[in-house]
Protein backbone atom coordinates (compact mmCIF):
# COMPACT_ATOMS: atom_id res chain seq x y z
CA MET A 1 69.62 -13.56 23.06
CA LYS A 2 67.13 -12.50 25.74
CA LYS A 3 67.91 -8.78 24.76
CA THR A 4 67.19 -9.52 21.13
CA THR A 5 63.94 -11.39 21.97
CA LEU A 6 62.81 -8.61 24.15
CA PHE A 7 63.52 -6.06 21.36
CA ILE A 8 61.57 -7.90 18.76
CA PHE A 9 58.66 -8.29 21.27
CA LEU A 10 58.68 -4.45 22.16
CA CYS A 11 58.67 -3.76 18.33
CA LEU A 12 55.63 -6.07 17.74
CA LEU A 13 53.83 -4.43 20.70
CA ILE A 14 54.38 -0.95 19.28
CA SER A 15 53.25 -1.97 15.85
CA VAL A 16 49.89 -3.46 17.03
CA SER A 17 49.32 -0.24 19.11
CA LEU A 18 49.85 1.89 16.11
CA ILE A 19 47.54 -0.14 13.97
CA ALA A 20 44.86 0.00 16.82
CA ALA A 21 45.21 3.78 17.02
CA GLY A 22 44.84 4.09 13.31
CA ASN A 23 41.65 2.11 13.25
CA THR A 24 40.23 4.23 16.08
CA GLU A 25 41.00 7.41 14.14
CA THR A 26 39.34 6.14 11.03
CA ALA A 27 36.21 4.51 12.42
CA PRO A 28 34.33 7.58 13.18
CA ALA A 29 34.87 9.05 9.65
CA GLU A 30 33.55 5.80 8.21
CA ASN A 31 30.36 6.12 10.41
CA GLU A 32 29.94 9.79 9.57
CA ALA A 33 30.09 8.98 5.88
CA SER A 34 27.19 6.64 6.23
CA LEU A 35 24.93 9.53 7.35
CA ILE A 36 23.51 12.49 5.68
CA THR A 37 21.96 15.53 6.93
CA ILE A 38 18.47 16.64 5.57
CA THR A 39 16.13 19.45 6.54
CA ASP A 40 12.56 18.07 6.53
CA GLY A 41 9.21 19.82 5.86
CA LEU A 42 9.07 21.19 9.47
CA GLY A 43 12.56 22.78 8.93
CA ARG A 44 14.17 20.34 11.39
CA GLU A 45 17.69 19.18 10.63
CA LEU A 46 17.81 15.40 10.84
CA SER A 47 20.77 12.90 10.46
CA VAL A 48 19.52 9.92 8.45
CA PRO A 49 21.20 6.78 6.95
CA ALA A 50 22.48 7.40 3.41
CA ASN A 51 20.51 5.33 0.88
CA PRO A 52 18.57 3.24 3.45
CA ASP A 53 17.73 -0.15 2.56
CA TYR A 54 14.47 -0.30 4.55
CA VAL A 55 11.82 2.36 5.00
CA ILE A 56 8.19 2.83 5.90
CA CYS A 57 5.77 5.59 4.57
CA SER A 58 3.13 7.08 6.97
CA GLY A 59 0.27 9.20 6.17
CA SER A 60 -1.73 9.99 3.15
CA GLY A 61 0.26 9.93 -0.03
CA ALA A 62 3.61 9.16 1.53
CA LEU A 63 3.72 5.83 -0.26
CA ARG A 64 2.75 7.36 -3.46
CA LEU A 65 5.64 9.75 -3.46
CA CYS A 66 7.89 6.84 -2.63
CA THR A 67 6.61 4.91 -5.69
CA TYR A 68 6.98 7.97 -7.95
CA LEU A 69 10.65 7.96 -6.91
CA GLN A 70 11.03 4.25 -7.71
CA GLY A 71 11.78 3.44 -3.98
CA GLU A 72 8.93 0.88 -3.46
CA GLU A 73 11.63 -1.98 -3.18
CA LYS A 74 12.68 -0.41 0.10
CA VAL A 75 9.37 -0.48 1.81
CA ILE A 76 9.04 -3.21 4.35
CA ALA A 77 5.69 -2.47 5.92
CA VAL A 78 2.53 -0.37 5.21
CA ASP A 79 -0.44 1.20 6.99
CA ASP A 80 -3.65 -0.77 6.95
CA MET A 81 -5.13 1.37 3.89
CA GLU A 82 -2.67 -0.70 1.77
CA THR A 83 -3.92 -4.07 2.88
CA ARG A 84 -7.65 -3.53 2.12
CA ARG A 85 -9.25 -5.21 -0.90
CA PRO A 86 -12.14 -2.71 -1.71
CA LYS A 87 -14.40 -3.07 -4.65
CA PHE A 88 -13.36 0.35 -5.78
CA ASP A 89 -9.65 1.53 -5.76
CA ALA A 90 -8.50 4.62 -7.55
CA ARG A 91 -4.84 4.74 -6.38
CA PRO A 92 -2.57 4.03 -9.48
CA TYR A 93 0.57 3.57 -7.21
CA ALA A 94 -1.40 0.67 -5.33
CA LEU A 95 -2.72 -0.83 -8.44
CA ALA A 96 0.78 -1.06 -9.91
CA ASN A 97 2.16 -2.46 -6.82
CA PRO A 98 -0.18 -5.27 -5.49
CA GLN A 99 2.64 -6.74 -3.22
CA PHE A 100 1.86 -3.75 -0.87
CA LYS A 101 -1.25 -5.67 0.21
CA ASP A 102 0.86 -8.44 1.46
CA LEU A 103 3.26 -6.60 3.67
CA PRO A 104 2.97 -6.36 7.42
CA THR A 105 1.15 -3.32 8.89
CA PHE A 106 2.65 -0.85 11.34
CA GLY A 107 -0.53 1.20 12.02
CA GLU A 108 -3.68 2.71 10.82
CA PHE A 109 -4.28 4.96 7.71
CA ARG A 110 -3.95 8.81 7.89
CA GLY A 111 -0.65 8.53 9.95
CA HIS A 112 -2.03 6.69 12.98
CA ASP A 113 1.19 4.69 13.60
CA ASN A 114 1.87 2.16 16.20
CA PRO A 115 5.25 2.46 17.77
CA GLU A 116 5.09 -1.00 19.13
CA LEU A 117 4.33 -2.66 15.67
CA ILE A 118 7.13 -0.55 14.19
CA VAL A 119 9.85 -1.60 16.68
CA ALA A 120 8.82 -5.33 16.20
CA LEU A 121 9.40 -5.11 12.45
CA ASP A 122 12.00 -7.28 11.11
CA PRO A 123 14.15 -5.92 9.35
CA GLN A 124 13.82 -2.72 11.16
CA PRO A 125 13.07 0.58 8.98
CA GLN A 126 15.90 2.93 8.97
CA VAL A 127 13.86 5.93 8.19
CA ILE A 128 9.98 6.84 8.55
CA LEU A 129 8.74 9.12 5.79
CA LYS A 130 5.77 10.85 7.21
CA THR A 131 3.12 13.19 5.47
CA TYR A 132 0.59 15.47 7.05
CA ALA A 133 2.37 15.74 10.46
CA GLY A 134 -0.62 17.18 12.17
CA MET A 135 -2.50 14.09 11.82
CA GLY A 136 -2.23 10.79 13.62
CA THR A 137 0.82 10.13 15.68
CA ASP A 138 3.06 13.14 16.44
CA PRO A 139 6.46 12.89 14.49
CA GLU A 140 8.54 13.83 17.52
CA GLU A 141 6.84 11.28 19.69
CA LEU A 142 7.05 8.59 17.09
CA GLN A 143 10.92 9.18 16.75
CA SER A 144 11.40 9.23 20.45
CA ARG A 145 9.41 5.97 20.98
CA THR A 146 10.94 4.01 17.96
CA GLY A 147 14.57 5.51 17.92
CA ILE A 148 14.04 5.88 14.14
CA PRO A 149 14.39 9.29 12.41
CA VAL A 150 11.08 10.59 11.21
CA VAL A 151 11.19 12.77 8.08
CA VAL A 152 8.16 14.98 7.77
CA LEU A 153 6.97 15.90 4.13
CA ASN A 154 4.39 18.61 3.06
CA TYR A 155 2.42 16.76 0.31
CA GLY A 156 1.38 19.68 -1.67
CA ASP A 157 -0.66 19.52 -4.89
CA LEU A 158 -0.55 20.52 -8.55
CA GLY A 159 -2.11 23.78 -7.97
CA GLY A 160 -1.10 26.61 -5.62
CA TYR A 161 1.09 24.32 -3.43
CA ARG A 162 3.00 22.67 -6.11
CA GLU A 163 6.21 23.91 -4.72
CA ASP A 164 5.57 21.98 -1.61
CA PHE A 165 5.16 18.95 -3.69
CA TYR A 166 8.45 19.43 -5.41
CA ALA A 167 10.35 20.23 -2.16
CA SER A 168 8.96 16.85 -0.76
CA LEU A 169 10.14 14.99 -3.73
CA ARG A 170 13.60 16.47 -3.35
CA ILE A 171 13.78 15.75 0.33
CA MET A 172 12.46 12.07 -0.08
CA GLY A 173 14.86 11.90 -3.34
CA LYS A 174 17.82 12.79 -1.09
CA VAL A 175 16.91 10.31 1.59
CA LEU A 176 16.40 7.50 -0.75
CA ASP A 177 19.35 8.44 -3.12
CA LYS A 178 16.97 9.23 -5.80
CA SER A 179 17.61 12.93 -6.25
CA GLU A 180 17.98 12.44 -10.21
CA ARG A 181 14.63 10.71 -10.39
CA ALA A 182 13.05 13.60 -8.33
CA GLU A 183 14.17 16.18 -10.84
CA GLU A 184 12.79 14.05 -13.70
CA ILE A 185 9.34 13.86 -12.08
CA ILE A 186 9.45 17.69 -11.54
CA SER A 187 10.55 18.30 -15.19
CA PHE A 188 7.81 15.91 -16.29
CA VAL A 189 5.01 17.62 -14.43
CA ASP A 190 6.13 21.09 -15.49
CA THR A 191 6.31 20.16 -19.10
CA THR A 192 2.92 18.45 -18.98
CA ILE A 193 1.19 21.47 -17.26
CA LYS A 194 2.94 23.73 -19.84
CA ASP A 195 1.49 21.64 -22.77
CA LEU A 196 -1.96 21.98 -21.38
CA ASN A 197 -1.59 25.74 -20.83
CA VAL A 198 -0.27 26.26 -24.44
CA ARG A 199 -3.06 24.28 -25.98
CA SER A 200 -5.66 26.30 -24.23
CA GLU A 201 -4.19 29.75 -23.86
CA THR A 202 -5.15 31.42 -27.21
CA ILE A 203 -8.88 30.45 -26.98
CA PRO A 204 -10.97 33.63 -26.63
CA GLU A 205 -13.03 33.79 -23.38
CA GLU A 206 -16.20 34.13 -25.54
CA ASN A 207 -15.65 30.91 -27.19
CA LYS A 208 -15.29 28.79 -23.94
CA LYS A 209 -18.25 26.81 -22.72
CA SER A 210 -19.03 27.06 -18.90
CA CYS A 211 -18.05 23.91 -16.99
CA PHE A 212 -18.48 22.48 -13.52
CA VAL A 213 -17.05 19.51 -11.70
CA GLY A 214 -19.03 17.76 -8.96
CA GLY A 215 -18.95 14.60 -6.93
CA ILE A 216 -15.31 15.15 -5.82
CA ALA A 217 -14.33 13.04 -2.81
CA HIS A 218 -13.26 14.66 0.49
CA ARG A 219 -12.35 12.09 3.05
CA GLY A 220 -15.04 9.94 1.48
CA PRO A 221 -17.43 10.02 -1.36
CA HIS A 222 -19.73 13.16 -1.90
CA GLY A 223 -22.54 14.08 -4.24
CA ILE A 224 -22.97 16.46 -7.16
CA ARG A 225 -22.66 19.57 -4.98
CA SER A 226 -19.20 18.63 -3.84
CA THR A 227 -16.62 20.69 -5.93
CA GLU A 228 -13.32 22.46 -5.96
CA PRO A 229 -13.43 26.10 -7.12
CA ALA A 230 -9.51 25.81 -8.00
CA TYR A 231 -9.90 22.27 -9.56
CA PRO A 232 -6.35 21.93 -11.10
CA PRO A 233 -7.38 20.48 -14.59
CA PHE A 234 -9.65 23.69 -15.07
CA MET A 235 -6.80 25.85 -13.97
CA PHE A 236 -4.37 24.29 -16.34
CA LEU A 237 -6.88 24.71 -19.24
CA GLN A 238 -8.02 28.23 -18.31
CA ALA A 239 -11.53 26.71 -18.27
CA ARG A 240 -14.63 29.05 -17.52
CA ASN A 241 -15.56 27.52 -14.20
CA PRO A 242 -18.45 29.65 -12.40
CA ALA A 243 -17.42 28.15 -9.12
CA HIS A 244 -14.04 29.95 -9.21
CA ASP A 245 -13.80 33.21 -7.66
CA PRO A 246 -10.66 35.33 -8.88
CA ASN A 247 -10.91 37.53 -5.87
CA LYS A 248 -10.18 34.79 -3.43
CA GLY A 249 -6.86 33.32 -2.65
CA TYR A 250 -5.92 29.69 -3.30
CA ALA A 251 -6.33 28.44 0.20
CA ASP A 252 -10.01 29.80 0.20
CA LEU A 253 -10.73 27.81 -3.19
CA GLN A 254 -10.32 24.38 -1.99
CA HIS A 255 -13.15 21.88 -1.29
CA SER A 256 -16.64 23.34 -1.07
CA ASP A 257 -20.16 21.98 -0.84
CA ILE A 258 -22.18 24.49 -2.82
CA ALA A 259 -25.91 25.03 -2.43
CA LYS A 260 -28.16 23.16 -4.80
CA GLU A 261 -29.70 26.62 -5.83
CA GLN A 262 -26.26 27.87 -6.74
CA LEU A 263 -25.66 25.11 -9.26
CA LEU A 264 -29.06 25.69 -10.88
CA ASP A 265 -28.28 29.47 -11.16
CA TRP A 266 -24.91 28.80 -12.72
CA ASP A 267 -26.60 26.19 -14.97
CA PRO A 268 -23.29 25.11 -16.54
CA GLU A 269 -23.08 23.95 -20.33
CA ILE A 270 -20.80 20.95 -19.47
CA ILE A 271 -20.60 18.88 -16.20
CA PHE A 272 -17.87 16.53 -15.18
CA VAL A 273 -18.47 14.12 -12.41
CA ASP A 274 -15.73 12.66 -10.29
CA ILE A 275 -16.63 8.95 -10.39
CA SER A 276 -15.62 8.50 -6.81
CA THR A 277 -19.03 9.34 -6.01
CA MET A 278 -20.08 5.95 -7.25
CA GLN A 279 -18.90 4.33 -3.89
CA THR A 280 -22.13 5.32 -2.55
CA ASP A 281 -25.79 4.65 -3.58
CA GLY A 282 -28.77 6.90 -3.41
CA ASP A 283 -28.22 10.35 -1.85
CA GLY A 284 -24.60 11.39 -2.16
CA ASN A 285 -24.07 9.71 -5.51
CA ALA A 286 -23.84 12.38 -8.06
CA ILE A 287 -24.78 10.29 -11.09
CA ARG A 288 -27.88 9.15 -9.40
CA GLU A 289 -28.77 12.64 -8.28
CA LEU A 290 -28.52 13.96 -11.84
CA THR A 291 -30.61 11.01 -12.98
CA ASP A 292 -33.32 10.84 -10.49
CA ASP A 293 -33.70 14.48 -9.18
CA PRO A 294 -36.27 16.31 -11.30
CA VAL A 295 -34.72 19.56 -10.54
CA TYR A 296 -31.16 18.51 -11.49
CA ARG A 297 -32.75 16.96 -14.70
CA THR A 298 -33.65 20.66 -15.68
CA LEU A 299 -29.87 21.60 -15.91
CA LYS A 300 -28.70 22.32 -19.36
CA ALA A 301 -25.73 19.86 -19.35
CA VAL A 302 -28.17 17.03 -18.34
CA GLN A 303 -30.76 17.91 -21.00
CA GLN A 304 -28.03 18.14 -23.76
CA LYS A 305 -26.19 15.06 -22.44
CA GLN A 306 -22.96 16.92 -21.69
CA VAL A 307 -22.06 15.09 -18.64
CA TYR A 308 -18.84 13.45 -18.36
CA GLY A 309 -16.93 11.07 -15.97
CA VAL A 310 -13.49 11.91 -14.83
CA LEU A 311 -11.18 9.84 -12.77
CA PRO A 312 -11.14 10.23 -8.90
CA TYR A 313 -9.06 13.22 -7.90
CA ASN A 314 -8.81 12.84 -4.07
CA TRP A 315 -8.12 9.23 -2.99
CA TYR A 316 -6.03 8.93 0.03
CA THR A 317 -5.22 12.67 -0.85
CA SER A 318 -4.41 13.78 -4.35
CA ASN A 319 -3.57 11.42 -7.14
CA HIS A 320 -1.23 13.72 -9.21
CA GLY A 321 -1.27 11.51 -12.26
CA SER A 322 -4.96 11.24 -12.30
CA THR A 323 -5.09 15.08 -12.12
CA LEU A 324 -2.95 15.33 -15.32
CA ALA A 325 -4.84 12.49 -17.18
CA ASN A 326 -8.20 14.27 -16.28
CA ALA A 327 -6.87 17.60 -17.68
CA TYR A 328 -6.14 15.94 -20.99
CA PHE A 329 -9.58 14.21 -21.10
CA ILE A 330 -11.37 17.45 -20.13
CA GLY A 331 -9.29 19.29 -22.82
CA THR A 332 -10.79 17.02 -25.51
CA ILE A 333 -14.28 17.92 -24.46
CA LEU A 334 -13.75 21.68 -23.90
CA TYR A 335 -11.35 22.39 -26.91
CA PRO A 336 -11.78 19.37 -29.33
CA GLU A 337 -9.69 20.94 -32.08
CA GLU A 338 -6.77 21.78 -29.86
CA PHE A 339 -6.68 18.24 -28.35
CA SER A 340 -7.63 16.33 -31.47
CA ASP A 341 -4.28 14.39 -31.35
CA ILE A 342 -4.98 13.25 -27.81
CA ASP A 343 -6.34 9.82 -27.04
CA PRO A 344 -7.24 10.27 -23.25
CA ALA A 345 -6.88 6.69 -22.17
CA GLN A 346 -3.51 6.21 -23.81
CA LYS A 347 -2.41 9.59 -22.62
CA ALA A 348 -3.29 8.38 -18.96
CA ASP A 349 -1.33 5.27 -19.31
CA GLU A 350 1.73 7.32 -20.56
CA ILE A 351 1.33 9.27 -17.40
CA TYR A 352 0.88 6.36 -15.15
CA THR A 353 3.74 4.39 -16.68
CA PHE A 354 6.14 7.27 -16.17
CA LEU A 355 4.94 8.02 -12.60
CA VAL A 356 4.12 4.55 -10.97
CA GLY A 357 5.71 2.06 -13.63
CA LYS A 358 2.66 0.58 -15.16
CA PRO A 359 -0.13 1.33 -17.49
CA VAL A 360 -3.14 1.06 -15.03
CA PHE A 361 -5.90 3.22 -16.58
CA SER A 362 -8.05 0.11 -17.65
CA GLN A 363 -7.67 -1.58 -14.33
CA LEU A 364 -8.62 1.57 -12.45
CA ASN A 365 -11.62 2.48 -14.70
CA ASN A 366 -12.93 -1.02 -14.79
CA SER A 367 -13.57 -0.96 -11.05
CA PHE A 368 -15.80 2.02 -11.67
CA ALA A 369 -17.74 0.32 -14.49
CA ASP A 370 -15.72 2.14 -17.25
CA VAL A 371 -17.45 5.24 -16.47
CA GLY A 372 -14.26 7.38 -16.54
CA PHE A 373 -13.54 9.36 -19.61
CA SER A 374 -16.96 8.75 -21.06
CA ARG A 375 -20.30 10.47 -21.63
CA ILE A 376 -22.44 9.47 -18.66
CA PHE A 377 -25.95 9.99 -20.35
CA ASP A 378 -26.15 8.58 -23.93
C-alpha cells in the first residue's frame, strides 16, 4: 500500500513538472508575438507593442497623421497646442476631434515633451510617435527617461518630400495596425493630385495667367511678401508663378520673404492670399496691406479685383487636406472651364471627410470671417 501511494505521488510530481516546463517554453513565444520590429524615420530598429491601445503624438503634425490613420481613439494625452481655444483654428483634424482639448497634456508644442508628465499618465502610453526629431526633447533622451519606445517620423509634404510623408504613414500604420488605411490615404492623395495634373496639363503656357500666393504662415502669421516658390497647389496645376525658379532645387524653393519691389515688378494678374494672415492686425496682415498701402493698390490684381482667399496652408506644419482643397479652388479661378464641375467648398468637405472623418470646411472658414474661397475685393 505504501509503495502504491509513493508511486502515485511520484507520477503526479512528474506530471506537474512537465506542465511547468511546457509553460516555461511557450511563455517567451507569446511575449515575442506581442511585439513587432519597425524601422523609424531615423533608420533605427525598434521593438514596439503590436497594435498598442495607448499612444501619444509628439511634435508638429504627429497627431494629424494619427487622425488620418483613424487612430485617434488610442490617443490618451496631447501637447499644449491641442488644449488651446484660439479665435482662429485652421487644423481640420482638431476641428473634427474636439475631445483632444479635454485630454491631459504631456508637454509643450513643437515636441517639447515633459518626461515626468508622461510617466505620470494613467494609463501609460505604450508608444510615443514623434515628428521633427531635431526640435524639442531628443527622442533618445525621451525614450531613456520614460522607458517607452519613441518612433521618429519624417513629416514630409505633398511636394518634393511626398515620399517622406508616405513613409511616415506606413511606419505609423504598422505601429497602429492601420497599414491598410495607410495605403488608402496614399492612393487617395496620388489619385487627387493626378486629377489636378490632368485637368491642367493641356493648357498652353501662353493662355495661363500669372499668379502669386502671399500671406503664407511660417511659425506664425505673415504679410503679403511671405510666399512659397514651390507652393504645392501651383505645382499640381502647372500654374505660371513668377516666384518659382526652375533652376533651383526643391529645398531652395521653400518659404521666402520677397522684396516689396519684386512683387511690384512681377505684377501678377491674380493674387491668392493665405487667410492665416488675418491673425494679425495692421502691418503683417496681407489683406490690410493690399487695402491700405497705396503702392500695393497699384498692382494689376488689386485694381482688377483678382485677389482671392485660400485656406491656411501651414498651421502646426502642413495641412495636407487644405493643400488639396486649395488646389481645386485655385483651379476654378485659373482654369474655369477645366474645373467647371467643381464646387470648391463641397470638394473641400469630401477631402476632409476622407482624411479626418468630418466635413469641417464651414467651421474652419467661419473662424476666418468666411474669406476662404472667395474674392477679397468686391
